[in-house]
Amino acid sequence: MKPTTAPADLRRRQRRQRRTLGIVGGLLMLAGACVLLALTRMPLPLRLLVGLTDLIGGAVLLLAAHQAKRTGLH
């Protein structure tokens, strides 16, 4: 039989996961902005695709972290 996880351990793990989602989402959005604004040698259509994809992915991760915090889930 598996040992049960204590509620304090579970809450600590959930806080760590939310914090990780927030950090990764913020870094991904920062990377997307850098790609859009700083990489001038990359062709414009590719730069737009990569930069906007990073921005959207980062926003999704930030929303997931916020939603998990609000609902008390992971």
N, C-alpha and C. Protein backbone atom coordinates (compact mmCIF):
# COMPACT_ATOMS: atom_id res chain seq x y z
N MET A 1 0.82 -1.19 0.00
CA MET A 1 0.00 0.00 0.00
C MET A 1 0.86 1.25 0.00
N LYS A 2 0.42 2.27 -0.70
CA LYS A 2 1.16 3.52 -0.76
C LYS A 2 0.94 4.34 0.52
N PRO A 3 2.00 4.97 1.00
CA PRO A 3 1.79 5.86 2.14
C PRO A 3 1.05 7.12 1.68
N THR A 4 0.18 7.62 2.51
CA THR A 4 -0.58 8.80 2.14
C THR A 4 0.29 10.04 2.29
N THR A 5 0.06 11.01 1.43
CA THR A 5 0.80 12.26 1.48
C THR A 5 0.10 13.19 2.46
N ALA A 6 0.88 13.78 3.31
CA ALA A 6 0.32 14.70 4.30
C ALA A 6 -0.22 15.94 3.59
N PRO A 7 -1.30 16.52 4.11
CA PRO A 7 -1.86 17.72 3.47
C PRO A 7 -0.85 18.87 3.35
N ALA A 8 0.04 19.01 4.33
CA ALA A 8 1.04 20.08 4.25
C ALA A 8 2.00 19.84 3.10
N ASP A 9 2.40 18.59 2.88
CA ASP A 9 3.29 18.26 1.76
C ASP A 9 2.60 18.52 0.43
N LEU A 10 1.33 18.18 0.37
CA LEU A 10 0.56 18.39 -0.85
C LEU A 10 0.44 19.88 -1.17
N ARG A 11 0.14 20.68 -0.16
CA ARG A 11 0.03 22.13 -0.38
C ARG A 11 1.38 22.73 -0.80
N ARG A 12 2.45 22.26 -0.19
CA ARG A 12 3.79 22.75 -0.54
C ARG A 12 4.11 22.42 -1.99
N ARG A 13 3.78 21.19 -2.40
CA ARG A 13 4.05 20.79 -3.78
C ARG A 13 3.21 21.61 -4.76
N GLN A 14 1.96 21.89 -4.41
CA GLN A 14 1.09 22.68 -5.28
C GLN A 14 1.60 24.11 -5.40
N ARG A 15 2.06 24.71 -4.29
CA ARG A 15 2.62 26.07 -4.35
C ARG A 15 3.85 26.10 -5.23
N ARG A 16 4.71 25.08 -5.10
CA ARG A 16 5.91 25.02 -5.93
C ARG A 16 5.56 24.89 -7.40
N GLN A 17 4.55 24.09 -7.73
CA GLN A 17 4.14 23.93 -9.13
C GLN A 17 3.56 25.24 -9.68
N ARG A 18 2.75 25.93 -8.88
CA ARG A 18 2.20 27.22 -9.34
C ARG A 18 3.31 28.23 -9.56
N ARG A 19 4.27 28.27 -8.62
CA ARG A 19 5.39 29.21 -8.77
C ARG A 19 6.21 28.89 -10.02
N THR A 20 6.44 27.60 -10.26
CA THR A 20 7.19 27.19 -11.44
C THR A 20 6.45 27.58 -12.72
N LEU A 21 5.13 27.36 -12.76
CA LEU A 21 4.35 27.77 -13.93
C LEU A 21 4.46 29.27 -14.17
N GLY A 22 4.39 30.05 -13.11
CA GLY A 22 4.48 31.50 -13.24
C GLY A 22 5.84 31.95 -13.75
N ILE A 23 6.90 31.35 -13.22
CA ILE A 23 8.26 31.73 -13.64
C ILE A 23 8.49 31.34 -15.10
N VAL A 24 8.13 30.11 -15.45
CA VAL A 24 8.34 29.65 -16.83
C VAL A 24 7.49 30.47 -17.80
N GLY A 25 6.25 30.78 -17.42
CA GLY A 25 5.39 31.59 -18.28
C GLY A 25 5.96 32.99 -18.49
N GLY A 26 6.45 33.60 -17.43
CA GLY A 26 7.05 34.93 -17.55
C GLY A 26 8.30 34.93 -18.40
N LEU A 27 9.16 33.91 -18.20
CA LEU A 27 10.37 33.82 -19.01
C LEU A 27 10.06 33.56 -20.48
N LEU A 28 9.04 32.77 -20.73
CA LEU A 28 8.65 32.49 -22.11
C LEU A 28 8.13 33.76 -22.79
N MET A 29 7.37 34.56 -22.06
CA MET A 29 6.89 35.82 -22.63
C MET A 29 8.04 36.79 -22.86
N LEU A 30 9.00 36.82 -21.95
CA LEU A 30 10.18 37.67 -22.13
C LEU A 30 10.99 37.23 -23.35
N ALA A 31 11.14 35.93 -23.52
CA ALA A 31 11.87 35.41 -24.68
C ALA A 31 11.13 35.75 -25.97
N GLY A 32 9.81 35.66 -25.96
CA GLY A 32 9.03 36.02 -27.15
C GLY A 32 9.19 37.49 -27.51
N ALA A 33 9.21 38.35 -26.51
CA ALA A 33 9.40 39.78 -26.77
C ALA A 33 10.80 40.03 -27.31
N CYS A 34 11.80 39.34 -26.77
CA CYS A 34 13.17 39.51 -27.28
C CYS A 34 13.28 39.05 -28.74
N VAL A 35 12.63 37.94 -29.06
CA VAL A 35 12.66 37.45 -30.44
C VAL A 35 12.02 38.47 -31.37
N LEU A 36 10.88 39.03 -30.95
CA LEU A 36 10.18 39.99 -31.81
C LEU A 36 10.97 41.28 -31.99
N LEU A 37 11.63 41.72 -30.94
CA LEU A 37 12.24 43.04 -30.98
C LEU A 37 13.74 43.04 -31.27
N ALA A 38 14.45 42.01 -30.91
CA ALA A 38 15.91 42.07 -30.96
C ALA A 38 16.54 41.27 -32.10
N LEU A 39 15.90 40.23 -32.57
CA LEU A 39 16.52 39.40 -33.60
C LEU A 39 16.20 39.96 -34.98
N THR A 40 17.05 40.83 -35.46
CA THR A 40 16.78 41.47 -36.75
C THR A 40 17.31 40.64 -37.92
N ARG A 41 18.21 39.70 -37.67
CA ARG A 41 18.75 38.90 -38.78
C ARG A 41 17.83 37.76 -39.17
N MET A 42 16.87 37.43 -38.34
CA MET A 42 15.91 36.38 -38.65
C MET A 42 14.84 36.95 -39.59
N PRO A 43 14.42 36.20 -40.61
CA PRO A 43 13.37 36.71 -41.51
C PRO A 43 12.10 37.07 -40.73
N LEU A 44 11.45 38.14 -41.15
CA LEU A 44 10.31 38.67 -40.42
C LEU A 44 9.19 37.65 -40.21
N PRO A 45 8.75 36.89 -41.22
CA PRO A 45 7.66 35.93 -40.96
C PRO A 45 8.03 34.88 -39.90
N LEU A 46 9.25 34.40 -39.94
CA LEU A 46 9.70 33.42 -38.95
C LEU A 46 9.80 34.07 -37.58
N ARG A 47 10.29 35.29 -37.53
CA ARG A 47 10.41 36.01 -36.26
C ARG A 47 9.03 36.24 -35.64
N LEU A 48 8.06 36.61 -36.46
CA LEU A 48 6.70 36.80 -35.96
C LEU A 48 6.10 35.50 -35.45
N LEU A 49 6.31 34.43 -36.19
CA LEU A 49 5.76 33.13 -35.80
C LEU A 49 6.36 32.67 -34.46
N VAL A 50 7.67 32.72 -34.34
CA VAL A 50 8.32 32.25 -33.13
C VAL A 50 7.99 33.17 -31.95
N GLY A 51 8.08 34.47 -32.16
CA GLY A 51 7.83 35.41 -31.08
C GLY A 51 6.40 35.37 -30.57
N LEU A 52 5.45 35.34 -31.48
CA LEU A 52 4.05 35.30 -31.06
C LEU A 52 3.68 33.97 -30.42
N THR A 53 4.28 32.89 -30.92
CA THR A 53 4.04 31.58 -30.30
C THR A 53 4.55 31.57 -28.86
N ASP A 54 5.73 32.15 -28.64
CA ASP A 54 6.26 32.23 -27.27
C ASP A 54 5.38 33.11 -26.39
N LEU A 55 4.91 34.22 -26.91
CA LEU A 55 4.04 35.09 -26.12
C LEU A 55 2.74 34.40 -25.75
N ILE A 56 2.14 33.72 -26.69
CA ILE A 56 0.88 33.02 -26.43
C ILE A 56 1.10 31.86 -25.45
N GLY A 57 2.17 31.11 -25.64
CA GLY A 57 2.47 30.01 -24.71
C GLY A 57 2.72 30.51 -23.30
N GLY A 58 3.44 31.61 -23.17
CA GLY A 58 3.68 32.19 -21.85
C GLY A 58 2.40 32.67 -21.20
N ALA A 59 1.53 33.29 -22.00
CA ALA A 59 0.26 33.77 -21.46
C ALA A 59 -0.61 32.60 -20.98
N VAL A 60 -0.59 31.51 -21.72
CA VAL A 60 -1.37 30.33 -21.33
C VAL A 60 -0.84 29.76 -20.01
N LEU A 61 0.49 29.71 -19.85
CA LEU A 61 1.05 29.20 -18.60
C LEU A 61 0.72 30.12 -17.43
N LEU A 62 0.78 31.44 -17.64
CA LEU A 62 0.43 32.38 -16.58
C LEU A 62 -1.05 32.25 -16.20
N LEU A 63 -1.90 32.08 -17.19
CA LEU A 63 -3.32 31.88 -16.91
C LEU A 63 -3.57 30.58 -16.15
N ALA A 64 -2.85 29.54 -16.52
CA ALA A 64 -3.01 28.26 -15.82
C ALA A 64 -2.57 28.39 -14.36
N ALA A 65 -1.47 29.10 -14.12
CA ALA A 65 -1.01 29.30 -12.75
C ALA A 65 -2.02 30.13 -11.96
N HIS A 66 -2.55 31.15 -12.58
CA HIS A 66 -3.53 32.00 -11.90
C HIS A 66 -4.81 31.21 -11.61
N GLN A 67 -5.26 30.43 -12.56
CA GLN A 67 -6.49 29.65 -12.38
C GLN A 67 -6.29 28.59 -11.29
N ALA A 68 -5.13 27.97 -11.27
CA ALA A 68 -4.87 26.96 -10.24
C ALA A 68 -4.83 27.61 -8.86
N LYS A 69 -4.30 28.79 -8.77
CA LYS A 69 -4.26 29.50 -7.49
C LYS A 69 -5.66 29.88 -7.05
N ARG A 70 -6.46 30.31 -7.99
CA ARG A 70 -7.82 30.77 -7.67
C ARG A 70 -8.73 29.61 -7.25
N THR A 71 -8.58 28.47 -7.89
CA THR A 71 -9.47 27.34 -7.60
C THR A 71 -8.90 26.40 -6.54
N GLY A 72 -7.64 26.60 -6.18
CA GLY A 72 -7.03 25.74 -5.18
C GLY A 72 -6.53 24.42 -5.72
N LEU A 73 -6.41 24.30 -7.04
CA LEU A 73 -5.89 23.09 -7.63
C LEU A 73 -4.39 23.19 -7.75
N HIS A 74 -3.78 22.29 -8.47
CA HIS A 74 -2.32 22.27 -8.64
C HIS A 74 -1.86 23.66 -8.89
